Amino acid sequence: MDHSVEILAIEDVTHNVRRYRFEKPAGYSFKPGQATDVSLDEEGWRGKKHPFTFTALTDDQQLEFTIKSYFNTGGDGVTEHLYGYTPGRRLIIRDVWGTITYRGPGVFIAGGAGVTPFIAILRDLHHRRKLAGHALVVSNRTGAGGALGVAYVARSTPDGHTLLFVPALAYSVLPLMQSNVGYTDKSFAPICQTFENQMALIVKPDSPFKTARDIAEAARARPDGRAAARRASGRCTIHRAQPRAGRPGVDAARSGD
């Protein structure tokens, strides 16, 4: 079910992170660590869903998100557009989902936006005076497609307490692309795999391209006349596409990030 809710207060946490407090629909409930899909309640944005985790206490009279905004998206990014909001604007929230919930005392490891479920969980434990025996370990080292954070861990003392949680790309692909990243795949002892990435090749509904072969053949026919959108250099999408560049009639070029 969709709920249109009014933003009641906005507070700066850092230069690009804000805390948004907003109305709580009657009967709406969640467990600490859970999230919902959110849209901006304005023309052109209602269909763009973005997941955010609740960071308020479950018995608060208002709901709350703590959101990092990403800029330089050309105005198309939800969090960039949200950063321009003021109290009185509205959001659309939906049913609660998520399986990251409290399962007992221990050490929680998080980084980036992945810390938000633990904000809610630890706030709830503190509110119930049960915070003792818990620890949250957070270290954000951003930049260079993840290479800075990976290199930091590679240089750390191998004491069994410094762990790296990272997509396979930064661990396995970047050292092959650049010889000066400060580590190789032999710098770490893998523990386990936690997720898989799914990738898709997307075109407009009225595109003449129906298969990947169609695109490859069109690229060979016009090596300088095809454009593609992708994320930053070093991302999986780049390396799936670029092997085609060495084939006859196909050229792949990247613009600066």
Protein backbone atom coordinates (compact mmCIF):
# COMPACT_ATOMS: atom_id res chain seq x y z
CA MET A 1 0.00 0.00 0.00
CA ASP A 2 1.22 3.51 -0.84
CA HIS A 3 1.22 6.24 1.80
CA SER A 4 1.83 9.91 1.04
CA VAL A 5 3.54 11.44 4.07
CA GLU A 6 4.67 14.98 4.86
CA ILE A 7 8.28 15.75 5.77
CA LEU A 8 8.18 17.43 9.19
CA ALA A 9 11.86 18.17 9.84
CA ILE A 10 15.24 17.95 8.09
CA GLU A 11 18.55 17.95 9.95
CA ASP A 12 22.07 17.99 8.52
CA VAL A 13 24.27 15.16 9.82
CA THR A 14 27.24 15.80 7.52
CA HIS A 15 27.80 17.81 4.34
CA ASN A 16 25.91 15.22 2.28
CA VAL A 17 23.92 13.22 4.86
CA ARG A 18 20.59 14.39 6.23
CA ARG A 19 18.06 13.09 8.70
CA TYR A 20 14.47 13.32 7.46
CA ARG A 21 11.58 13.00 9.92
CA PHE A 22 8.10 12.57 8.50
CA GLU A 23 4.55 11.52 9.28
CA LYS A 24 3.80 7.99 10.48
CA PRO A 25 0.64 6.53 8.93
CA ALA A 26 -1.86 5.02 11.36
CA GLY A 27 -1.04 1.38 12.06
CA TYR A 28 2.31 1.55 10.25
CA SER A 29 5.02 -0.52 11.97
CA PHE A 30 8.47 -1.93 11.30
CA LYS A 31 11.24 -3.84 13.04
CA PRO A 32 14.64 -2.15 13.59
CA GLY A 33 16.73 -2.81 10.49
CA GLN A 34 13.84 -3.00 8.04
CA ALA A 35 13.26 -0.72 5.05
CA THR A 36 10.68 0.39 2.52
CA ASP A 37 10.59 1.60 -1.08
CA VAL A 38 10.33 5.39 -1.28
CA SER A 39 9.38 7.84 -4.03
CA LEU A 40 9.27 11.60 -4.16
CA ASP A 41 5.62 12.68 -4.21
CA GLU A 42 5.76 14.97 -7.23
CA GLU A 43 5.13 14.73 -10.94
CA GLY A 44 7.75 12.68 -12.76
CA TRP A 45 9.15 11.08 -9.60
CA ARG A 46 6.34 8.97 -8.16
CA GLY A 47 7.30 5.93 -10.20
CA LYS A 48 10.97 6.05 -9.21
CA LYS A 49 11.34 3.78 -6.19
CA HIS A 50 14.40 3.85 -3.96
CA PRO A 51 14.97 1.67 -0.85
CA PHE A 52 15.66 3.39 2.46
CA THR A 53 16.02 1.95 5.96
CA PHE A 54 14.12 3.39 8.91
CA THR A 55 16.37 4.88 11.59
CA ALA A 56 13.71 5.96 14.12
CA LEU A 57 12.68 3.98 17.16
CA THR A 58 9.74 1.69 16.51
CA ASP A 59 7.50 3.45 19.05
CA ASP A 60 8.31 7.00 17.88
CA GLN A 61 5.35 9.08 16.75
CA GLN A 62 7.23 9.96 13.56
CA LEU A 63 9.25 7.98 11.03
CA GLU A 64 12.82 8.81 10.06
CA PHE A 65 15.36 8.15 7.33
CA THR A 66 19.06 9.00 7.43
CA ILE A 67 20.06 9.47 3.80
CA LYS A 68 23.31 10.22 1.99
CA SER A 69 22.79 12.32 -1.14
CA TYR A 70 24.85 11.68 -4.27
CA PHE A 71 25.38 14.75 -6.44
CA ASN A 72 26.45 15.42 -10.03
CA THR A 73 23.81 13.05 -11.38
CA GLY A 74 22.50 15.61 -13.84
CA GLY A 75 19.41 16.10 -11.72
CA ASP A 76 18.16 12.56 -12.34
CA GLY A 77 19.24 11.10 -8.98
CA VAL A 78 16.59 10.63 -6.29
CA THR A 79 18.89 11.54 -3.40
CA GLU A 80 20.22 14.63 -5.23
CA HIS A 81 16.67 15.86 -5.87
CA LEU A 82 15.66 15.01 -2.30
CA TYR A 83 18.50 17.19 -0.97
CA GLY A 84 16.62 20.23 -2.27
CA TYR A 85 13.50 19.36 -0.28
CA THR A 86 12.27 21.39 2.68
CA PRO A 87 9.77 20.53 5.43
CA GLY A 88 6.28 20.41 4.02
CA ARG A 89 7.25 18.43 0.91
CA ARG A 90 5.92 14.89 0.64
CA LEU A 91 7.26 11.36 0.17
CA ILE A 92 5.53 8.14 -0.80
CA ILE A 93 6.36 5.13 1.38
CA ARG A 94 5.21 1.57 0.85
CA ASP A 95 5.05 -1.75 2.69
CA VAL A 96 7.91 -2.65 5.00
CA TRP A 97 10.43 -5.27 3.90
CA GLY A 98 13.87 -6.56 4.86
CA THR A 99 15.42 -9.42 6.83
CA ILE A 100 18.25 -7.51 8.55
CA THR A 101 16.91 -7.63 12.10
CA TYR A 102 18.41 -8.16 15.55
CA ARG A 103 19.49 -11.75 16.24
CA GLY A 104 21.52 -11.46 19.42
CA PRO A 105 24.65 -9.83 20.88
CA GLY A 106 27.79 -9.62 18.80
CA VAL A 107 29.97 -7.48 16.55
CA PHE A 108 28.28 -5.76 13.61
CA ILE A 109 30.38 -4.86 10.55
CA ALA A 110 29.09 -2.24 8.13
CA GLY A 111 30.20 0.32 5.59
CA GLY A 112 28.62 3.02 3.45
CA ALA A 113 24.83 3.00 3.28
CA GLY A 114 24.95 -0.50 4.81
CA VAL A 115 25.32 1.10 8.23
CA THR A 116 21.72 2.38 8.36
CA PRO A 117 20.07 -0.88 9.51
CA PHE A 118 22.46 -0.95 12.45
CA ILE A 119 21.62 2.64 13.39
CA ALA A 120 18.05 1.50 14.00
CA ILE A 121 19.06 -1.75 15.72
CA LEU A 122 21.57 -0.13 18.09
CA ARG A 123 19.26 2.80 18.87
CA ASP A 124 16.58 0.30 19.84
CA LEU A 125 19.02 -1.64 22.05
CA HIS A 126 20.12 1.60 23.72
CA HIS A 127 16.50 2.61 24.26
CA ARG A 128 15.82 -0.73 25.98
CA ARG A 129 19.06 -0.49 27.99
CA LYS A 130 20.45 -3.63 26.36
CA LEU A 131 23.34 -2.11 24.41
CA ALA A 132 26.08 -3.76 26.54
CA GLY A 133 27.89 -6.58 24.75
CA HIS A 134 27.43 -5.16 21.26
CA ALA A 135 29.93 -3.42 18.97
CA LEU A 136 29.62 -1.73 15.59
CA VAL A 137 32.73 -1.58 13.38
CA VAL A 138 32.54 0.96 10.55
CA SER A 139 35.31 2.24 8.31
CA ASN A 140 34.51 4.01 5.06
CA ARG A 141 37.43 4.44 2.69
CA THR A 142 35.92 5.61 -0.57
CA GLY A 143 37.52 6.47 -3.88
CA ALA A 144 39.17 4.93 -6.95
CA GLY A 145 36.38 2.42 -7.47
CA GLY A 146 37.01 0.89 -4.06
CA ALA A 147 40.77 0.54 -4.48
CA LEU A 148 41.64 2.95 -1.63
CA GLY A 149 39.68 0.96 0.92
CA VAL A 150 41.04 -2.37 -0.30
CA ALA A 151 44.62 -1.06 -0.23
CA TYR A 152 44.11 0.19 3.33
CA VAL A 153 43.14 -3.31 4.48
CA ALA A 154 46.03 -4.84 2.52
CA ARG A 155 48.46 -2.62 4.45
CA SER A 156 46.90 -3.39 7.83
CA THR A 157 48.51 -5.75 10.32
CA PRO A 158 47.19 -9.29 9.69
CA ASP A 159 45.83 -9.67 13.23
CA GLY A 160 42.58 -11.43 12.38
CA HIS A 161 40.50 -8.41 13.41
CA THR A 162 40.70 -6.30 10.23
CA LEU A 163 38.20 -7.62 7.69
CA LEU A 164 37.37 -6.49 4.17
CA PHE A 165 33.79 -6.54 2.87
CA VAL A 166 33.98 -5.62 -0.78
CA PRO A 167 32.52 -6.47 -4.21
CA ALA A 168 34.65 -8.91 -6.16
CA LEU A 169 35.47 -6.25 -8.75
CA ALA A 170 37.71 -4.14 -6.50
CA TYR A 171 39.37 -7.27 -5.18
CA SER A 172 39.97 -9.18 -8.40
CA VAL A 173 39.64 -6.88 -11.42
CA LEU A 174 41.26 -3.58 -10.42
CA PRO A 175 44.69 -5.14 -9.71
CA LEU A 176 44.67 -6.47 -13.26
CA MET A 177 43.77 -3.06 -14.68
CA GLN A 178 46.26 -1.01 -12.70
CA SER A 179 49.64 -2.12 -11.39
CA ASN A 180 49.83 0.60 -8.73
CA VAL A 181 46.70 -0.07 -6.67
CA GLY A 182 48.81 -1.38 -3.78
CA TYR A 183 47.56 -4.96 -3.62
CA THR A 184 46.93 -8.13 -5.63
CA ASP A 185 44.45 -10.96 -5.29
CA LYS A 186 47.10 -12.73 -3.21
CA SER A 187 47.02 -9.98 -0.56
CA PHE A 188 43.95 -11.46 1.13
CA ALA A 189 42.57 -14.75 2.42
CA PRO A 190 38.94 -15.05 1.23
CA ILE A 191 36.38 -16.11 3.84
CA CYS A 192 33.08 -16.45 2.03
CA GLN A 193 30.85 -15.10 -0.74
CA THR A 194 27.82 -13.13 0.45
CA PHE A 195 26.03 -12.06 -2.73
CA GLU A 196 25.94 -12.21 -6.52
CA ASN A 197 25.68 -9.38 -9.05
CA GLN A 198 23.12 -9.58 -11.83
CA MET A 199 23.69 -7.48 -14.93
CA ALA A 200 21.38 -6.61 -17.81
CA LEU A 201 21.75 -5.09 -21.27
CA ILE A 202 18.89 -2.59 -21.62
CA VAL A 203 17.46 -0.76 -24.63
CA LYS A 204 14.34 1.33 -25.24
CA PRO A 205 11.07 -0.56 -25.91
CA ASP A 206 11.05 0.59 -29.53
CA SER A 207 14.71 -0.23 -30.15
CA PRO A 208 15.54 -2.32 -33.23
CA PHE A 209 17.96 -4.32 -31.07
CA LYS A 210 16.46 -7.55 -29.74
CA THR A 211 19.61 -9.50 -28.86
CA ALA A 212 23.21 -8.83 -27.89
CA ARG A 213 24.21 -10.07 -31.35
CA ASP A 214 22.10 -7.29 -32.92
CA ILE A 215 24.05 -4.67 -30.97
CA ALA A 216 27.41 -6.22 -31.81
CA GLU A 217 26.61 -6.29 -35.50
CA ALA A 218 25.41 -2.66 -35.44
CA ALA A 219 28.61 -1.64 -33.65
CA ARG A 220 30.73 -3.29 -36.33
CA ALA A 221 28.78 -1.46 -39.02
CA ARG A 222 29.20 1.91 -37.26
CA PRO A 223 32.20 1.67 -34.88
CA ASP A 224 32.13 5.41 -34.12
CA GLY A 225 28.40 5.95 -34.05
CA ARG A 226 27.04 4.02 -31.06
CA ALA A 227 26.71 5.35 -27.52
CA ALA A 228 26.23 3.50 -24.25
CA ALA A 229 25.64 4.63 -20.67
CA ARG A 230 27.58 3.04 -17.86
CA ARG A 231 28.92 3.66 -14.38
CA ALA A 232 32.46 4.68 -13.39
CA SER A 233 35.65 3.20 -14.82
CA GLY A 234 36.50 -0.16 -13.30
CA ARG A 235 32.88 -1.20 -12.93
CA CYS A 236 31.67 -4.61 -14.07
CA THR A 237 29.70 -3.09 -16.94
CA ILE A 238 32.87 -1.67 -18.46
CA HIS A 239 34.67 -4.99 -18.44
CA ARG A 240 31.75 -6.90 -19.88
CA ALA A 241 31.62 -4.52 -22.83
CA GLN A 242 35.25 -3.68 -23.49
CA PRO A 243 36.47 -7.09 -24.68
CA ARG A 244 34.36 -6.35 -27.78
CA ALA A 245 36.66 -3.40 -28.51
CA GLY A 246 39.39 -5.63 -29.83
CA ARG A 247 37.16 -7.27 -32.39
CA PRO A 248 37.10 -6.16 -36.03
CA GLY A 249 34.92 -3.11 -36.60
CA VAL A 250 34.26 -2.40 -32.91
CA ASP A 251 35.74 0.44 -30.91
CA ALA A 252 34.96 1.21 -27.25
CA ALA A 253 35.77 4.58 -25.72
CA ARG A 254 35.11 6.03 -22.28
CA SER A 255 34.53 9.58 -21.27
CA GLY A 256 36.12 10.95 -18.11
CA ASP A 257 34.41 10.25 -14.79
